[in-house]
């Protein structure tokens, strides 16, 4: 994450997941993330921040390339204390930027290995 999410300043591994801290103002300045993988998915479950969420990366192959789809799930209770509808466009932009950064990192690493 440190290489593809620019606002993340530290990632500390714990027994059950990772503590993420950001150096820029963010909805979740700090959060705890559990990571699991199933089939062709990587699932981040975030807790201990202002907004708890689940982020699912689905990987598939298309035209000899890997396609990454990202889906964000927010519990129904989140809307009671945060303006989720107003946050959606901001989150969508941030996630798009992070996916572009991830793709660039993967391309760079793949080119280095070749």
C-alpha atoms as a PDB file:
ATOM      1  CA  UNK A   1       0.000   0.000   0.000  1.00  0.00           C
ATOM      2  CA  UNK A   2       2.851   2.352   0.710  1.00  0.00           C
ATOM      3  CA  UNK A   3       3.781   2.253  -2.980  1.00  0.00           C
ATOM      4  CA  UNK A   4       0.349   2.790  -4.506  1.00  0.00           C
ATOM      5  CA  UNK A   5      -1.763   4.742  -1.984  1.00  0.00           C
ATOM      6  CA  UNK A   6       0.063   8.088  -1.652  1.00  0.00           C
ATOM      7  CA  UNK A   7      -1.557   9.272   1.578  1.00  0.00           C
ATOM      8  CA  UNK A   8      -0.648   6.101   3.533  1.00  0.00           C
ATOM      9  CA  UNK A   9       2.374   6.865   5.694  1.00  0.00           C
ATOM     10  CA  UNK A  10       2.711   3.658   7.735  1.00  0.00           C
ATOM     11  CA  UNK A  11       1.520   0.072   7.593  1.00  0.00           C
ATOM     12  CA  UNK A  12       2.135  -1.953  10.747  1.00  0.00           C
ATOM     13  CA  UNK A  13       1.494  -5.695  10.708  1.00  0.00           C
ATOM     14  CA  UNK A  14      -0.286  -7.136  13.724  1.00  0.00           C
ATOM     15  CA  UNK A  15      -1.454 -10.647  14.605  1.00  0.00           C
ATOM     16  CA  UNK A  16      -4.839 -10.327  12.883  1.00  0.00           C
ATOM     17  CA  UNK A  17      -4.240  -7.619  10.263  1.00  0.00           C
ATOM     18  CA  UNK A  18      -2.632  -4.266   9.567  1.00  0.00           C
ATOM     19  CA  UNK A  19      -2.847  -0.841  11.157  1.00  0.00           C
ATOM     20  CA  UNK A  20      -2.835   1.847   8.474  1.00  0.00           C
ATOM     21  CA  UNK A  21      -2.012   5.502   9.187  1.00  0.00           C
ATOM     22  CA  UNK A  22      -2.329   8.357   6.727  1.00  0.00           C
ATOM     23  CA  UNK A  23      -0.203  11.502   6.554  1.00  0.00           C
ATOM     24  CA  UNK A  24      -2.925  13.605   4.907  1.00  0.00           C
ATOM     25  CA  UNK A  25      -6.376  14.474   6.145  1.00  0.00           C
ATOM     26  CA  UNK A  26      -8.690  11.577   5.411  1.00  0.00           C
ATOM     27  CA  UNK A  27     -11.977  10.168   6.591  1.00  0.00           C
ATOM     28  CA  UNK A  28     -10.039   7.332   8.239  1.00  0.00           C
ATOM     29  CA  UNK A  29      -6.816   8.900   9.459  1.00  0.00           C
ATOM     30  CA  UNK A  30      -6.065   5.540  11.075  1.00  0.00           C
ATOM     31  CA  UNK A  31      -7.757   2.163  10.612  1.00  0.00           C
ATOM     32  CA  UNK A  32      -7.277  -1.549  11.117  1.00  0.00           C
ATOM     33  CA  UNK A  33      -7.500  -3.731   8.000  1.00  0.00           C
ATOM     34  CA  UNK A  34      -7.917  -7.479   7.831  1.00  0.00           C
ATOM     35  CA  UNK A  35      -6.967  -9.008   4.485  1.00  0.00           C
ATOM     36  CA  UNK A  36      -8.216 -12.288   3.082  1.00  0.00           C
ATOM     37  CA  UNK A  37      -8.220 -13.908  -0.320  1.00  0.00           C
ATOM     38  CA  UNK A  38     -10.834 -16.206  -1.835  1.00  0.00           C
ATOM     39  CA  UNK A  39     -10.716 -17.584  -5.353  1.00  0.00           C
ATOM     40  CA  UNK A  40      -9.929 -14.518  -7.484  1.00  0.00           C
ATOM     41  CA  UNK A  41     -10.694 -11.914  -4.835  1.00  0.00           C
ATOM     42  CA  UNK A  42      -8.737  -9.963  -2.265  1.00  0.00           C
ATOM     43  CA  UNK A  43     -10.935  -8.610   0.518  1.00  0.00           C
ATOM     44  CA  UNK A  44     -10.019  -5.737   2.841  1.00  0.00           C
ATOM     45  CA  UNK A  45     -12.234  -5.307   5.883  1.00  0.00           C
ATOM     46  CA  UNK A  46     -11.619  -1.990   7.599  1.00  0.00           C
ATOM     47  CA  UNK A  47     -12.524  -1.314  11.222  1.00  0.00           C
ATOM     48  CA  UNK A  48     -11.482   1.129  13.931  1.00  0.00           C
ATOM     49  CA  UNK A  49     -11.803   4.187  11.675  1.00  0.00           C
ATOM     50  CA  UNK A  50     -14.583   6.763  11.374  1.00  0.00           C
ATOM     51  CA  UNK A  51     -16.050   4.717   8.519  1.00  0.00           C
ATOM     52  CA  UNK A  52     -15.969   0.936   8.554  1.00  0.00           C
ATOM     53  CA  UNK A  53     -16.077  -0.670   5.127  1.00  0.00           C
ATOM     54  CA  UNK A  54     -15.236  -3.699   3.044  1.00  0.00           C
ATOM     55  CA  UNK A  55     -13.248  -3.314  -0.159  1.00  0.00           C
ATOM     56  CA  UNK A  56     -13.212  -6.227  -2.601  1.00  0.00           C
ATOM     57  CA  UNK A  57     -10.707  -6.492  -5.431  1.00  0.00           C
ATOM     58  CA  UNK A  58     -11.824  -9.037  -8.042  1.00  0.00           C
ATOM     59  CA  UNK A  59      -9.234 -10.271 -10.526  1.00  0.00           C
ATOM     60  CA  UNK A  60     -10.064 -11.765 -13.903  1.00  0.00           C
ATOM     61  CA  UNK A  61      -8.338 -12.362 -17.208  1.00  0.00           C
ATOM     62  CA  UNK A  62      -9.396 -10.558 -20.353  1.00  0.00           C
ATOM     63  CA  UNK A  63      -7.487 -10.486 -23.649  1.00  0.00           C
ATOM     64  CA  UNK A  64      -4.344 -11.904 -21.982  1.00  0.00           C
ATOM     65  CA  UNK A  65      -4.411  -9.110 -19.386  1.00  0.00           C
ATOM     66  CA  UNK A  66      -5.450  -9.042 -15.751  1.00  0.00           C
ATOM     67  CA  UNK A  67      -8.506  -6.940 -14.990  1.00  0.00           C
ATOM     68  CA  UNK A  68      -8.949  -5.578 -11.463  1.00  0.00           C
ATOM     69  CA  UNK A  69     -12.413  -4.533 -10.357  1.00  0.00           C
ATOM     70  CA  UNK A  70     -12.851  -2.762  -7.045  1.00  0.00           C
ATOM     71  CA  UNK A  71     -16.113  -2.725  -5.084  1.00  0.00           C
ATOM     72  CA  UNK A  72     -16.759  -0.799  -1.878  1.00  0.00           C
ATOM     73  CA  UNK A  73     -19.342  -1.938   0.661  1.00  0.00           C
ATOM     74  CA  UNK A  74     -20.422   0.299   3.525  1.00  0.00           C
ATOM     75  CA  UNK A  75     -22.698  -0.963   6.311  1.00  0.00           C
ATOM     76  CA  UNK A  76     -26.214   0.495   6.442  1.00  0.00           C
ATOM     77  CA  UNK A  77     -25.457   2.021   9.837  1.00  0.00           C
ATOM     78  CA  UNK A  78     -22.757   4.291   8.334  1.00  0.00           C
ATOM     79  CA  UNK A  79     -25.310   6.733   6.964  1.00  0.00           C
ATOM     80  CA  UNK A  80     -26.517   7.540  10.460  1.00  0.00           C
ATOM     81  CA  UNK A  81     -23.361   9.427  11.425  1.00  0.00           C
ATOM     82  CA  UNK A  82     -21.724  10.308   8.079  1.00  0.00           C
ATOM     83  CA  UNK A  83     -23.102  11.894   4.879  1.00  0.00           C
ATOM     84  CA  UNK A  84     -22.335   8.809   2.760  1.00  0.00           C
ATOM     85  CA  UNK A  85     -24.088  10.203  -0.331  1.00  0.00           C
ATOM     86  CA  UNK A  86     -21.807  13.248  -0.263  1.00  0.00           C
ATOM     87  CA  UNK A  87     -18.698  11.141   0.330  1.00  0.00           C
ATOM     88  CA  UNK A  88     -19.364   8.763  -2.587  1.00  0.00           C
ATOM     89  CA  UNK A  89     -17.893  10.940  -5.398  1.00  0.00           C
ATOM     90  CA  UNK A  90     -14.809  11.727  -3.301  1.00  0.00           C
ATOM     91  CA  UNK A  91     -14.260   8.049  -2.493  1.00  0.00           C
ATOM     92  CA  UNK A  92     -14.820   7.045  -6.121  1.00  0.00           C
ATOM     93  CA  UNK A  93     -12.157   9.502  -7.282  1.00  0.00           C
ATOM     94  CA  UNK A  94      -9.682   8.389  -4.599  1.00  0.00           C
ATOM     95  CA  UNK A  95     -10.196   4.701  -5.370  1.00  0.00           C
ATOM     96  CA  UNK A  96      -9.774   5.365  -9.085  1.00  0.00           C
ATOM     97  CA  UNK A  97      -6.500   7.203  -8.442  1.00  0.00           C
ATOM     98  CA  UNK A  98      -5.265   4.350  -6.248  1.00  0.00           C
ATOM     99  CA  UNK A  99      -6.155   1.748  -8.896  1.00  0.00           C
ATOM    100  CA  UNK A 100      -4.248   3.723 -11.541  1.00  0.00           C
ATOM    101  CA  UNK A 101      -1.274   3.878  -9.156  1.00  0.00           C
ATOM    102  CA  UNK A 102      -1.528   0.118  -8.521  1.00  0.00           C
ATOM    103  CA  UNK A 103      -1.601  -0.608 -12.260  1.00  0.00           C
ATOM    104  CA  UNK A 104       1.477   1.583 -12.798  1.00  0.00           C
ATOM    105  CA  UNK A 105       3.313  -0.202  -9.973  1.00  0.00           C
ATOM    106  CA  UNK A 106       2.457  -3.637 -11.370  1.00  0.00           C
ATOM    107  CA  UNK A 107       3.558  -2.594 -14.866  1.00  0.00           C
ATOM    108  CA  UNK A 108       6.827  -1.246 -13.474  1.00  0.00           C
ATOM    109  CA  UNK A 109       7.491  -4.417 -11.484  1.00  0.00           C
ATOM    110  CA  UNK A 110       6.609  -6.620 -14.445  1.00  0.00           C
ATOM    111  CA  UNK A 111       8.936  -4.655 -16.742  1.00  0.00           C
ATOM    112  CA  UNK A 112      11.753  -4.931 -14.188  1.00  0.00           C
ATOM    113  CA  UNK A 113      11.348  -8.712 -13.983  1.00  0.00           C
ATOM    114  CA  UNK A 114      11.347  -9.175 -17.769  1.00  0.00           C
END
